[in-house]
PDB file of all heavy atoms in Angstrom:
ATOM      1  N   GLY A   1     102.017  94.331 113.781  1.00  0.00           N
ATOM      2  CA  GLY A   1     101.264  93.090 113.331  1.00  0.00           C
ATOM      3  C   GLY A   1     100.772  93.085 111.931  1.00  0.00           C
ATOM      4  O   GLY A   1     101.498  93.722 111.031  1.00  0.00           O
ATOM      5  N   VAL A   2      99.717  92.313 111.741  1.00  0.00           N
ATOM      6  CA  VAL A   2      99.370  92.145 110.212  1.00  0.00           C
ATOM      7  C   VAL A   2      98.166  92.951 110.002  1.00  0.00           C
ATOM      8  O   VAL A   2      97.228  93.016 110.713  1.00  0.00           O
ATOM      9  CB  VAL A   2      99.068  90.592 110.061  1.00  0.00           C
ATOM     10  CG1 VAL A   2      98.455  90.315 108.622  1.00  0.00           C
ATOM     11  CG2 VAL A   2     100.291  89.702 110.348  1.00  0.00           C
ATOM     12  N   TYR A   3      98.181  93.532 108.672  1.00  0.00           N
ATOM     13  CA  TYR A   3      97.113  94.333 108.230  1.00  0.00           C
ATOM     14  C   TYR A   3      96.570  93.794 106.831  1.00  0.00           C
ATOM     15  O   TYR A   3      97.302  93.171 106.223  1.00  0.00           O
ATOM     16  CB  TYR A   3      97.494  95.834 108.121  1.00  0.00           C
ATOM     17  CG  TYR A   3      97.836  96.580 109.359  1.00  0.00           C
ATOM     18  CD1 TYR A   3      99.060  96.266 110.037  1.00  0.00           C
ATOM     19  CD2 TYR A   3      96.890  97.401 110.032  1.00  0.00           C
ATOM     20  CE1 TYR A   3      99.275  96.948 111.340  1.00  0.00           C
ATOM     21  CE2 TYR A   3      97.048  97.946 111.272  1.00  0.00           C
ATOM     22  CZ  TYR A   3      98.286  97.688 111.854  1.00  0.00           C
ATOM     23  OH  TYR A   3      98.564  98.320 113.060  1.00  0.00           O
ATOM     24  N   TRP A   4      95.355  94.018 106.635  1.00  0.00           N
ATOM     25  CA  TRP A   4      94.844  93.525 105.308  1.00  0.00           C
ATOM     26  C   TRP A   4      94.105  94.710 104.608  1.00  0.00           C
ATOM     27  O   TRP A   4      93.343  95.584 105.304  1.00  0.00           O
ATOM     28  CB  TRP A   4      93.645  92.411 105.626  1.00  0.00           C
ATOM     29  CG  TRP A   4      94.279  91.179 106.296  1.00  0.00           C
ATOM     30  CD1 TRP A   4      94.514  91.071 107.582  1.00  0.00           C
ATOM     31  CD2 TRP A   4      94.657  90.028 105.663  1.00  0.00           C
ATOM     32  NE1 TRP A   4      94.974  89.808 107.869  1.00  0.00           N
ATOM     33  CE2 TRP A   4      95.042  89.099 106.668  1.00  0.00           C
ATOM     34  CE3 TRP A   4      94.582  89.592 104.318  1.00  0.00           C
ATOM     35  CZ2 TRP A   4      95.516  87.804 106.485  1.00  0.00           C
ATOM     36  CZ3 TRP A   4      95.017  88.287 104.043  1.00  0.00           C
ATOM     37  CH2 TRP A   4      95.531  87.424 105.058  1.00  0.00           C
ATOM     38  N   CYS A   5      94.171  94.581 103.219  1.00  0.00           N
ATOM     39  CA  CYS A   5      93.280  95.534 102.405  1.00  0.00           C
ATOM     40  C   CYS A   5      92.330  94.641 101.600  1.00  0.00           C
ATOM     41  O   CYS A   5      92.860  93.723 101.120  1.00  0.00           O
ATOM     42  CB  CYS A   5      94.248  96.349 101.584  1.00  0.00           C
ATOM     43  SG  CYS A   5      95.180  95.590 100.398  1.00  0.00           S
ATOM     44  N   GLU A   6      91.180  95.119 101.619  1.00  0.00           N
ATOM     45  CA  GLU A   6      90.143  94.294 100.733  1.00  0.00           C
ATOM     46  C   GLU A   6      89.605  95.220  99.739  1.00  0.00           C
ATOM     47  O   GLU A   6      89.086  96.206  99.988  1.00  0.00           O
ATOM     48  CB  GLU A   6      89.058  93.818 101.797  1.00  0.00           C
ATOM     49  CG  GLU A   6      88.043  92.881 101.140  1.00  0.00           C
ATOM     50  CD  GLU A   6      86.901  92.615 102.051  1.00  0.00           C
ATOM     51  OE1 GLU A   6      86.080  93.389 102.221  1.00  0.00           O
ATOM     52  OE2 GLU A   6      86.978  91.476 102.526  1.00  0.00           O
ATOM     53  N   ALA A   7      89.690  94.650  98.449  1.00  0.00           N
ATOM     54  CA  ALA A   7      89.192  95.355  97.412  1.00  0.00           C
ATOM     55  C   ALA A   7      87.733  94.678  96.976  1.00  0.00           C
ATOM     56  O   ALA A   7      87.758  93.448  96.778  1.00  0.00           O
ATOM     57  CB  ALA A   7      89.973  95.243  96.180  1.00  0.00           C
ATOM     58  N   ALA A   8      86.726  95.369  96.859  1.00  0.00           N
ATOM     59  CA  ALA A   8      85.311  94.819  96.498  1.00  0.00           C
ATOM     60  C   ALA A   8      85.154  95.005  94.936  1.00  0.00           C
ATOM     61  O   ALA A   8      85.301  96.185  94.490  1.00  0.00           O
ATOM     62  CB  ALA A   8      84.253  95.553  97.268  1.00  0.00           C
ATOM     63  N   PHE A   9      84.729  94.038  94.284  1.00  0.00           N
ATOM     64  CA  PHE A   9      84.476  94.001  92.880  1.00  0.00           C
ATOM     65  C   PHE A   9      82.975  93.582  92.640  1.00  0.00           C
ATOM     66  O   PHE A   9      82.305  93.021  93.607  1.00  0.00           O
ATOM     67  CB  PHE A   9      85.479  93.139  92.109  1.00  0.00           C
ATOM     68  CG  PHE A   9      86.836  93.449  92.254  1.00  0.00           C
ATOM     69  CD1 PHE A   9      87.576  92.810  93.188  1.00  0.00           C
ATOM     70  CD2 PHE A   9      87.401  94.406  91.412  1.00  0.00           C
ATOM     71  CE1 PHE A   9      89.001  93.113  93.331  1.00  0.00           C
ATOM     72  CE2 PHE A   9      88.778  94.652  91.581  1.00  0.00           C
ATOM     73  CZ  PHE A   9      89.613  94.142  92.462  1.00  0.00           C
ATOM     74  N   GLU A  10      82.493  93.743  91.519  1.00  0.00           N
ATOM     75  CA  GLU A  10      81.068  93.390  91.320  1.00  0.00           C
ATOM     76  C   GLU A  10      80.958  91.847  91.382  1.00  0.00           C
ATOM     77  O   GLU A  10      79.861  91.321  91.809  1.00  0.00           O
ATOM     78  CB  GLU A  10      80.775  93.758  89.707  1.00  0.00           C
ATOM     79  CG  GLU A  10      80.439  95.255  89.608  1.00  0.00           C
ATOM     80  CD  GLU A  10      80.034  95.542  88.188  1.00  0.00           C
ATOM     81  OE1 GLU A  10      79.720  94.548  87.426  1.00  0.00           O
ATOM     82  OE2 GLU A  10      80.014  96.750  87.861  1.00  0.00           O
ATOM     83  N   LEU A  11      81.933  91.018  91.075  1.00  0.00           N
ATOM     84  CA  LEU A  11      81.889  89.585  91.125  1.00  0.00           C
ATOM     85  C   LEU A  11      82.452  89.007  92.530  1.00  0.00           C
ATOM     86  O   LEU A  11      82.475  87.830  92.668  1.00  0.00           O
ATOM     87  CB  LEU A  11      82.632  88.971  89.958  1.00  0.00           C
ATOM     88  CG  LEU A  11      82.109  89.300  88.655  1.00  0.00           C
ATOM     89  CD1 LEU A  11      82.847  88.681  87.489  1.00  0.00           C
ATOM     90  CD2 LEU A  11      80.587  88.800  88.483  1.00  0.00           C
ATOM     91  N   GLY A  12      82.870  89.830  93.456  1.00  0.00           N
ATOM     92  CA  GLY A  12      83.391  89.346  94.635  1.00  0.00           C
ATOM     93  C   GLY A  12      84.510  90.304  95.222  1.00  0.00           C
ATOM     94  O   GLY A  12      84.546  91.359  94.881  1.00  0.00           O
ATOM     95  N   LYS A  13      85.273  89.684  96.210  1.00  0.00           N
ATOM     96  CA  LYS A  13      86.140  90.373  96.972  1.00  0.00           C
ATOM     97  C   LYS A  13      87.661  89.792  96.888  1.00  0.00           C
ATOM     98  O   LYS A  13      87.653  88.602  96.758  1.00  0.00           O
ATOM     99  CB  LYS A  13      85.808  90.613  98.341  1.00  0.00           C
ATOM    100  CG  LYS A  13      84.569  91.357  98.616  1.00  0.00           C
ATOM    101  CD  LYS A  13      84.027  91.489 100.031  1.00  0.00           C
ATOM    102  CE  LYS A  13      82.818  92.264 100.197  1.00  0.00           C
ATOM    103  NZ  LYS A  13      82.373  92.397 101.671  1.00  0.00           N
ATOM    104  N   SER A  14      88.579  90.656  96.932  1.00  0.00           N
ATOM    105  CA  SER A  14      89.991  90.033  97.065  1.00  0.00           C
ATOM    106  C   SER A  14      90.798  90.784  98.096  1.00  0.00           C
ATOM    107  O   SER A  14      90.653  92.049  98.245  1.00  0.00           O
ATOM    108  CB  SER A  14      90.762  90.424  95.662  1.00  0.00           C
ATOM    109  OG  SER A  14      91.930  89.939  95.590  1.00  0.00           O
ATOM    110  N   LYS A  15      91.605  90.008  98.888  1.00  0.00           N
ATOM    111  CA  LYS A  15      92.421  90.563  99.987  1.00  0.00           C
ATOM    112  C   LYS A  15      93.849  90.575  99.801  1.00  0.00           C
ATOM    113  O   LYS A  15      94.353  89.612  99.076  1.00  0.00           O
ATOM    114  CB  LYS A  15      92.064  89.929 101.278  1.00  0.00           C
ATOM    115  CG  LYS A  15      90.702  90.265 101.905  1.00  0.00           C
ATOM    116  CD  LYS A  15      90.556  89.606 103.301  1.00  0.00           C
ATOM    117  CE  LYS A  15      89.370  90.141 103.885  1.00  0.00           C
ATOM    118  NZ  LYS A  15      89.201  89.578 105.303  1.00  0.00           N
ATOM    119  N   GLY A  16      94.538  91.570 100.263  1.00  0.00           N
ATOM    120  CA  GLY A  16      96.034  91.510 100.378  1.00  0.00           C
ATOM    121  C   GLY A  16      96.565  91.707 101.694  1.00  0.00           C
ATOM    122  O   GLY A  16      95.909  92.400 102.553  1.00  0.00           O
ATOM    123  N   LYS A  17      97.642  91.076 102.024  1.00  0.00           N
ATOM    124  CA  LYS A  17      98.222  91.133 103.437  1.00  0.00           C
ATOM    125  C   LYS A  17      99.496  91.808 103.535  1.00  0.00           C
ATOM    126  O   LYS A  17     100.362  91.792 102.590  1.00  0.00           O
ATOM    127  CB  LYS A  17      98.465  89.746 103.930  1.00  0.00           C
ATOM    128  CG  LYS A  17      98.882  89.647 105.420  1.00  0.00           C
ATOM    129  CD  LYS A  17      98.929  88.147 106.042  1.00  0.00           C
ATOM    130  CE  LYS A  17     100.098  87.477 105.411  1.00  0.00           C
ATOM    131  NZ  LYS A  17     100.225  86.140 106.059  1.00  0.00           N
ATOM    132  N   LEU A  18      99.677  92.698 104.519  1.00  0.00           N
ATOM    133  CA  LEU A  18     100.928  93.511 104.805  1.00  0.00           C
ATOM    134  C   LEU A  18     101.307  93.310 106.325  1.00  0.00           C
ATOM    135  O   LEU A  18     100.318  93.312 107.147  1.00  0.00           O
ATOM    136  CB  LEU A  18     100.628  94.994 104.443  1.00  0.00           C
ATOM    137  CG  LEU A  18     100.330  95.279 103.066  1.00  0.00           C
ATOM    138  CD1 LEU A  18      98.731  95.574 102.964  1.00  0.00           C
ATOM    139  CD2 LEU A  18     100.990  96.606 102.574  1.00  0.00           C
ATOM    140  N   GLN A  19     102.584  93.291 106.488  1.00  0.00           N
ATOM    141  CA  GLN A  19     103.039  93.073 107.960  1.00  0.00           C
ATOM    142  C   GLN A  19     103.816  94.229 108.313  1.00  0.00           C
ATOM    143  O   GLN A  19     104.690  94.841 107.591  1.00  0.00           O
ATOM    144  CB  GLN A  19     103.894  91.840 108.053  1.00  0.00           C
ATOM    145  CG  GLN A  19     104.264  91.499 109.481  1.00  0.00           C
ATOM    146  CD  GLN A  19     105.017  90.236 109.755  1.00  0.00           C
ATOM    147  OE1 GLN A  19     105.342  89.589 108.727  1.00  0.00           O
ATOM    148  NE2 GLN A  19     105.326  89.915 110.894  1.00  0.00           N
ATOM    149  N   LEU A  20     103.429  94.755 109.463  1.00  0.00           N
ATOM    150  CA  LEU A  20     104.136  96.052 110.009  1.00  0.00           C
ATOM    151  C   LEU A  20     104.937  95.708 111.279  1.00  0.00           C
ATOM    152  O   LEU A  20     104.410  95.071 112.130  1.00  0.00           O
ATOM    153  CB  LEU A  20     103.095  97.120 110.380  1.00  0.00           C
ATOM    154  CG  LEU A  20     103.626  98.362 111.034  1.00  0.00           C
ATOM    155  CD1 LEU A  20     104.540  99.131 110.143  1.00  0.00           C
ATOM    156  CD2 LEU A  20     102.471  99.295 111.549  1.00  0.00           C
ATOM    157  N   LYS A  21     106.187  96.058 111.194  1.00  0.00           N
ATOM    158  CA  LYS A  21     107.088  95.806 112.326  1.00  0.00           C
ATOM    159  C   LYS A  21     107.475  97.092 112.965  1.00  0.00           C
ATOM    160  O   LYS A  21     108.037  97.973 112.331  1.00  0.00           O
ATOM    161  CB  LYS A  21     108.357  95.021 111.971  1.00  0.00           C
ATOM    162  CG  LYS A  21     108.111  93.544 111.837  1.00  0.00           C
ATOM    163  CD  LYS A  21     109.471  92.781 111.736  1.00  0.00           C
ATOM    164  CE  LYS A  21     109.214  91.275 111.822  1.00  0.00           C
ATOM    165  NZ  LYS A  21     108.708  90.874 113.081  1.00  0.00           N
ATOM    166  N   VAL A  22     107.023  97.299 114.235  1.00  0.00           N
ATOM    167  CA  VAL A  22     107.465  98.627 114.961  1.00  0.00           C
ATOM    168  C   VAL A  22     108.581  98.327 115.879  1.00  0.00           C
ATOM    169  O   VAL A  22     108.473  97.517 116.797  1.00  0.00           O
ATOM    170  CB  VAL A  22     106.215  99.075 115.720  1.00  0.00           C
ATOM    171  CG1 VAL A  22     106.565 100.417 116.400  1.00  0.00           C
ATOM    172  CG2 VAL A  22     105.058  99.377 114.662  1.00  0.00           C
ATOM    173  N   LEU A  23     109.717  98.998 115.601  1.00  0.00           N
ATOM    174  CA  LEU A  23     110.935  98.735 116.496  1.00  0.00           C
ATOM    175  C   LEU A  23     111.048  99.949 117.551  1.00  0.00           C
ATOM    176  O   LEU A  23     110.649 101.079 117.251  1.00  0.00           O
ATOM    177  CB  LEU A  23     112.139  98.712 115.594  1.00  0.00           C
ATOM    178  CG  LEU A  23     112.226  97.658 114.518  1.00  0.00           C
ATOM    179  CD1 LEU A  23     113.459  97.769 113.678  1.00  0.00           C
ATOM    180  CD2 LEU A  23     112.019  96.276 115.041  1.00  0.00           C
ATOM    181  N   SER A  24     111.714  99.516 118.621  1.00  0.00           N
ATOM    182  CA  SER A  24     111.986 100.612 119.703  1.00  0.00           C
ATOM    183  C   SER A  24     113.119 101.499 119.199  1.00  0.00           C
ATOM    184  O   SER A  24     114.003 101.119 118.412  1.00  0.00           O
ATOM    185  CB  SER A  24     112.397  99.862 120.962  1.00  0.00           C
ATOM    186  OG  SER A  24     113.043 100.902 121.797  1.00  0.00           O
ATOM    187  N   LEU A  25     113.147 102.723 119.625  1.00  0.00           N
ATOM    188  CA  LEU A  25     114.164 103.622 119.173  1.00  0.00           C
ATOM    189  C   LEU A  25     115.537 103.202 119.722  1.00  0.00           C
ATOM    190  O   LEU A  25     116.653 103.588 119.170  1.00  0.00           O
ATOM    191  CB  LEU A  25     113.892 105.033 119.747  1.00  0.00           C
ATOM    192  CG  LEU A  25     112.785 105.789 119.144  1.00  0.00           C
ATOM    193  CD1 LEU A  25     112.486 107.023 119.871  1.00  0.00           C
ATOM    194  CD2 LEU A  25     113.140 106.246 117.695  1.00  0.00           C
ATOM    195  N   MET A  26     115.603 102.240 120.695  1.00  0.00           N
ATOM    196  CA  MET A  26     116.845 101.804 121.218  1.00  0.00           C
ATOM    197  C   MET A  26     117.539 100.846 120.220  1.00  0.00           C
ATOM    198  O   MET A  26     118.754 100.685 120.302  1.00  0.00           O
ATOM    199  CB  MET A  26     116.562 101.084 122.480  1.00  0.00           C
ATOM    200  CG  MET A  26     116.190 101.797 123.684  1.00  0.00           C
ATOM    201  SD  MET A  26     117.411 103.085 124.135  1.00  0.00           S
ATOM    202  CE  MET A  26     118.703 101.941 124.613  1.00  0.00           C
ATOM    203  N   VAL A  27     116.789 100.270 119.193  1.00  0.00           N
ATOM    204  CA  VAL A  27     117.401  99.353 118.274  1.00  0.00           C
ATOM    205  C   VAL A  27     118.582  99.976 117.417  1.00  0.00           C
ATOM    206  O   VAL A  27     119.575  99.553 117.392  1.00  0.00           O
ATOM    207  CB  VAL A  27     116.332  98.727 117.303  1.00  0.00           C
ATOM    208  CG1 VAL A  27     116.915  97.892 116.337  1.00  0.00           C
ATOM    209  CG2 VAL A  27     115.312  97.829 118.245  1.00  0.00           C
ATOM    210  N   PRO A  28     118.252 101.193 116.806  1.00  0.00           N
ATOM    211  CA  PRO A  28     119.400 101.800 116.066  1.00  0.00           C
ATOM    212  C   PRO A  28     120.459 102.315 116.933  1.00  0.00           C
ATOM    213  O   PRO A  28     121.599 102.513 116.435  1.00  0.00           O
ATOM    214  CB  PRO A  28     118.667 102.882 115.227  1.00  0.00           C
ATOM    215  CG  PRO A  28     117.413 103.242 116.025  1.00  0.00           C
ATOM    216  CD  PRO A  28     117.037 101.849 116.596  1.00  0.00           C
ATOM    217  N   LEU A  29     120.161 102.622 118.291  1.00  0.00           N
ATOM    218  CA  LEU A  29     121.159 103.095 119.139  1.00  0.00           C
ATOM    219  C   LEU A  29     122.110 102.021 119.665  1.00  0.00           C
ATOM    220  O   LEU A  29     123.108 102.445 120.153  1.00  0.00           O
ATOM    221  CB  LEU A  29     120.492 103.816 120.275  1.00  0.00           C
ATOM    222  CG  LEU A  29     119.867 105.202 120.014  1.00  0.00           C
ATOM    223  CD1 LEU A  29     119.098 105.662 121.175  1.00  0.00           C
ATOM    224  CD2 LEU A  29     120.777 106.180 119.537  1.00  0.00           C
ATOM    225  N   LYS A  30     121.725 100.780 119.689  1.00  0.00           N
ATOM    226  CA  LYS A  30     122.572  99.737 120.241  1.00  0.00           C
ATOM    227  C   LYS A  30     123.944  99.704 119.652  1.00  0.00           C
ATOM    228  O   LYS A  30     124.844  99.600 120.521  1.00  0.00           O
ATOM    229  CB  LYS A  30     121.749  98.440 120.076  1.00  0.00           C
ATOM    230  CG  LYS A  30     120.654  98.072 120.979  1.00  0.00           C
ATOM    231  CD  LYS A  30     120.053  96.798 120.861  1.00  0.00           C
ATOM    232  CE  LYS A  30     118.883  96.608 121.844  1.00  0.00           C
ATOM    233  NZ  LYS A  30     118.251  95.312 121.606  1.00  0.00           N
ATOM    234  N   PRO A  31     124.155  99.677 118.372  1.00  0.00           N
ATOM    235  CA  PRO A  31     125.664  99.759 117.903  1.00  0.00           C
ATOM    236  C   PRO A  31     126.395 100.887 118.498  1.00  0.00           C
ATOM    237  O   PRO A  31     127.536 100.835 118.899  1.00  0.00           O
ATOM    238  CB  PRO A  31     125.535  99.780 116.345  1.00  0.00           C
ATOM    239  CG  PRO A  31     124.089  99.286 116.196  1.00  0.00           C
ATOM    240  CD  PRO A  31     123.203  99.744 117.218  1.00  0.00           C
ATOM    241  N   PHE A  32     125.685 102.076 118.439  1.00  0.00           N
ATOM    242  CA  PHE A  32     126.371 103.302 118.986  1.00  0.00           C
ATOM    243  C   PHE A  32     126.717 103.141 120.495  1.00  0.00           C
ATOM    244  O   PHE A  32     127.768 103.577 120.981  1.00  0.00           O
ATOM    245  CB  PHE A  32     125.410 104.531 118.800  1.00  0.00           C
ATOM    246  CG  PHE A  32     125.909 105.782 119.362  1.00  0.00           C
ATOM    247  CD1 PHE A  32     127.040 106.394 118.949  1.00  0.00           C
ATOM    248  CD2 PHE A  32     125.404 106.216 120.664  1.00  0.00           C
ATOM    249  CE1 PHE A  32     127.535 107.651 119.588  1.00  0.00           C
ATOM    250  CE2 PHE A  32     125.863 107.435 121.253  1.00  0.00           C
ATOM    251  CZ  PHE A  32     126.964 108.111 120.701  1.00  0.00           C
ATOM    252  N   LEU A  33     125.806 102.597 121.386  1.00  0.00           N
ATOM    253  CA  LEU A  33     125.919 102.390 122.727  1.00  0.00           C
ATOM    254  C   LEU A  33     127.090 101.376 122.992  1.00  0.00           C
ATOM    255  O   LEU A  33     127.836 101.563 123.924  1.00  0.00           O
ATOM    256  CB  LEU A  33     124.723 102.016 123.378  1.00  0.00           C
ATOM    257  CG  LEU A  33     123.572 102.985 123.393  1.00  0.00           C
ATOM    258  CD1 LEU A  33     122.261 102.428 124.071  1.00  0.00           C
ATOM    259  CD2 LEU A  33     123.957 104.257 124.175  1.00  0.00           C
ATOM    260  N   ALA A  34     127.167 100.430 122.131  1.00  0.00           N
ATOM    261  CA  ALA A  34     128.348  99.321 122.284  1.00  0.00           C
ATOM    262  C   ALA A  34     129.703 100.037 122.080  1.00  0.00           C
ATOM    263  O   ALA A  34     130.576  99.668 122.847  1.00  0.00           O
ATOM    264  CB  ALA A  34     128.035  98.240 121.258  1.00  0.00           C
ATOM    265  N   ILE A  35     129.718 100.816 121.005  1.00  0.00           N
ATOM    266  CA  ILE A  35     130.900 101.548 120.779  1.00  0.00           C
ATOM    267  C   ILE A  35     131.415 102.438 121.985  1.00  0.00           C
ATOM    268  O   ILE A  35     132.503 102.596 122.289  1.00  0.00           O
ATOM    269  CB  ILE A  35     130.914 102.402 119.479  1.00  0.00           C
ATOM    270  CG1 ILE A  35     130.704 101.346 118.301  1.00  0.00           C
ATOM    271  CG2 ILE A  35     132.114 103.333 119.377  1.00  0.00           C
ATOM    272  CD1 ILE A  35     130.430 102.048 117.024  1.00  0.00           C
TER     273      ILE A  35
END
């Protein structure tokens, strides 16, 4: 999902967005299993 970091300054706040994708262990095995 989406995560946010927020920096607090004397004059206000600022946010940054990061997205995390979590894949199943089967994903890297699929090409091997196909072979």
